[in-house]
Amino acid sequence: MAFQGTLYILGKYTCFSAAERGRNLPIILEHAQIVKVEKQQPSRRSTKPDVLQLQLSETEWMCVKDFEPGSLDSALALLASMCPHAVS
């Protein structure tokens, strides 16, 4: 399920805030929880945007998309440097 919202990268946390039907849906992740940070690119023929994937375990992850031009690479680099266990 996808929600439009805002990604915040803070000193020890990565947060995502979305509003759906008048309710706030916050997600708060400690950087220590994130084991992998990667940029997923759709196939060359696709018009879908690139996606930032935050892997938390083998079966749990969070994906964020619809970044402004250039900001996905900045978010990826910042998270890779701030998350102690992340492998890009």
C-alpha atoms as a PDB file:
ATOM      1  CA  MET A   1       0.000   0.000   0.000  1.00  0.00           C
ATOM      2  CA  ALA A   2       1.391   3.409  -0.904  1.00  0.00           C
ATOM      3  CA  PHE A   3       0.744   6.718   0.797  1.00  0.00           C
ATOM      4  CA  GLN A   4       1.829  10.200  -0.142  1.00  0.00           C
ATOM      5  CA  GLY A   5       3.911  11.692   2.637  1.00  0.00           C
ATOM      6  CA  THR A   6       7.198  13.145   3.791  1.00  0.00           C
ATOM      7  CA  LEU A   7      10.469  11.357   4.592  1.00  0.00           C
ATOM      8  CA  TYR A   8      12.552  12.790   7.439  1.00  0.00           C
ATOM      9  CA  ILE A   9      16.143  11.675   8.044  1.00  0.00           C
ATOM     10  CA  LEU A  10      17.255  12.665  11.539  1.00  0.00           C
ATOM     11  CA  GLY A  11      20.329  11.933  13.667  1.00  0.00           C
ATOM     12  CA  LYS A  12      19.211   8.515  14.969  1.00  0.00           C
ATOM     13  CA  TYR A  13      15.911   7.967  13.164  1.00  0.00           C
ATOM     14  CA  THR A  14      14.318   7.851   9.749  1.00  0.00           C
ATOM     15  CA  CYS A  15      10.666   8.832   9.852  1.00  0.00           C
ATOM     16  CA  PHE A  16       7.871   8.828   7.330  1.00  0.00           C
ATOM     17  CA  SER A  17       4.705  10.810   7.910  1.00  0.00           C
ATOM     18  CA  ALA A  18       1.567  10.380   5.839  1.00  0.00           C
ATOM     19  CA  ALA A  19      -2.004  11.578   6.226  1.00  0.00           C
ATOM     20  CA  GLU A  20      -4.835   9.311   5.150  1.00  0.00           C
ATOM     21  CA  ARG A  21      -8.506  10.191   5.623  1.00  0.00           C
ATOM     22  CA  GLY A  22      -7.695  12.772   8.250  1.00  0.00           C
ATOM     23  CA  ARG A  23      -5.473  10.442  10.292  1.00  0.00           C
ATOM     24  CA  ASN A  24      -1.716  10.762  10.707  1.00  0.00           C
ATOM     25  CA  LEU A  25       0.187   7.549   9.894  1.00  0.00           C
ATOM     26  CA  PRO A  26       3.735   7.909  11.286  1.00  0.00           C
ATOM     27  CA  ILE A  27       6.515   5.363  10.777  1.00  0.00           C
ATOM     28  CA  ILE A  28       9.640   5.721  12.910  1.00  0.00           C
ATOM     29  CA  LEU A  29      12.734   3.570  12.305  1.00  0.00           C
ATOM     30  CA  GLU A  30      15.952   3.636  14.286  1.00  0.00           C
ATOM     31  CA  HIS A  31      18.948   3.666  11.967  1.00  0.00           C
ATOM     32  CA  ALA A  32      20.262   0.573  13.792  1.00  0.00           C
ATOM     33  CA  GLN A  33      17.195  -1.346  12.481  1.00  0.00           C
ATOM     34  CA  ILE A  34      18.080  -0.754   8.825  1.00  0.00           C
ATOM     35  CA  VAL A  35      20.257  -3.527   7.380  1.00  0.00           C
ATOM     36  CA  LYS A  36      20.279  -2.451   3.735  1.00  0.00           C
ATOM     37  CA  VAL A  37      19.600   0.746   1.814  1.00  0.00           C
ATOM     38  CA  GLU A  38      19.257   0.605  -1.944  1.00  0.00           C
ATOM     39  CA  LYS A  39      17.863   2.388  -4.947  1.00  0.00           C
ATOM     40  CA  GLN A  40      15.636   0.229  -7.100  1.00  0.00           C
ATOM     41  CA  GLN A  41      15.325   1.222 -10.703  1.00  0.00           C
ATOM     42  CA  PRO A  42      12.460  -0.065 -12.848  1.00  0.00           C
ATOM     43  CA  SER A  43      13.182  -1.604 -16.213  1.00  0.00           C
ATOM     44  CA  ARG A  44      14.435   0.734 -18.937  1.00  0.00           C
ATOM     45  CA  ARG A  45      11.108   0.694 -20.738  1.00  0.00           C
ATOM     46  CA  SER A  46       9.116   1.553 -17.627  1.00  0.00           C
ATOM     47  CA  THR A  47       7.887   5.039 -16.812  1.00  0.00           C
ATOM     48  CA  LYS A  48       7.771   4.232 -13.084  1.00  0.00           C
ATOM     49  CA  PRO A  49       9.984   6.323 -10.780  1.00  0.00           C
ATOM     50  CA  ASP A  50      13.010   4.998  -8.899  1.00  0.00           C
ATOM     51  CA  VAL A  51      12.327   3.698  -5.385  1.00  0.00           C
ATOM     52  CA  LEU A  52      14.354   3.935  -2.169  1.00  0.00           C
ATOM     53  CA  GLN A  53      14.128   0.629  -0.286  1.00  0.00           C
ATOM     54  CA  LEU A  54      14.999   0.334   3.405  1.00  0.00           C
ATOM     55  CA  GLN A  55      15.475  -3.333   4.311  1.00  0.00           C
ATOM     56  CA  LEU A  56      14.788  -4.195   7.963  1.00  0.00           C
ATOM     57  CA  SER A  57      15.025  -7.998   7.754  1.00  0.00           C
ATOM     58  CA  GLU A  58      14.722 -10.769   5.176  1.00  0.00           C
ATOM     59  CA  THR A  59      10.952 -10.291   5.044  1.00  0.00           C
ATOM     60  CA  GLU A  60      10.402  -6.710   6.180  1.00  0.00           C
ATOM     61  CA  TRP A  61      11.150  -3.516   4.273  1.00  0.00           C
ATOM     62  CA  MET A  62       9.846  -0.048   3.536  1.00  0.00           C
ATOM     63  CA  CYS A  63       9.883   1.574   0.107  1.00  0.00           C
ATOM     64  CA  VAL A  64       9.634   5.284  -0.615  1.00  0.00           C
ATOM     65  CA  LYS A  65       9.132   6.822  -4.060  1.00  0.00           C
ATOM     66  CA  ASP A  66       8.197  10.053  -5.855  1.00  0.00           C
ATOM     67  CA  PHE A  67      11.272  12.055  -4.867  1.00  0.00           C
ATOM     68  CA  GLU A  68      12.049  15.436  -6.391  1.00  0.00           C
ATOM     69  CA  PRO A  69      14.774  15.176  -9.087  1.00  0.00           C
ATOM     70  CA  GLY A  70      18.177  14.511  -7.484  1.00  0.00           C
ATOM     71  CA  SER A  71      16.877  14.114  -3.936  1.00  0.00           C
ATOM     72  CA  LEU A  72      16.631  10.296  -4.011  1.00  0.00           C
ATOM     73  CA  ASP A  73      20.403   9.977  -4.513  1.00  0.00           C
ATOM     74  CA  SER A  74      20.983  12.442  -1.668  1.00  0.00           C
ATOM     75  CA  ALA A  75      18.665  10.502   0.663  1.00  0.00           C
ATOM     76  CA  LEU A  76      20.373   7.234  -0.313  1.00  0.00           C
ATOM     77  CA  ALA A  77      23.860   8.605   0.411  1.00  0.00           C
ATOM     78  CA  LEU A  78      22.781  10.150   3.713  1.00  0.00           C
ATOM     79  CA  LEU A  79      21.082   6.974   4.930  1.00  0.00           C
ATOM     80  CA  ALA A  80      23.992   4.768   3.848  1.00  0.00           C
ATOM     81  CA  SER A  81      26.348   6.915   5.930  1.00  0.00           C
ATOM     82  CA  MET A  82      24.049   7.155   8.984  1.00  0.00           C
ATOM     83  CA  CYS A  83      22.875   3.540   9.268  1.00  0.00           C
ATOM     84  CA  PRO A  84      25.677   1.541  10.935  1.00  0.00           C
ATOM     85  CA  HIS A  85      24.565  -1.857   9.615  1.00  0.00           C
ATOM     86  CA  ALA A  86      23.383  -0.808   6.166  1.00  0.00           C
ATOM     87  CA  VAL A  87      24.966  -2.317   3.096  1.00  0.00           C
ATOM     88  CA  SER A  88      24.204  -0.524  -0.174  1.00  0.00           C
END
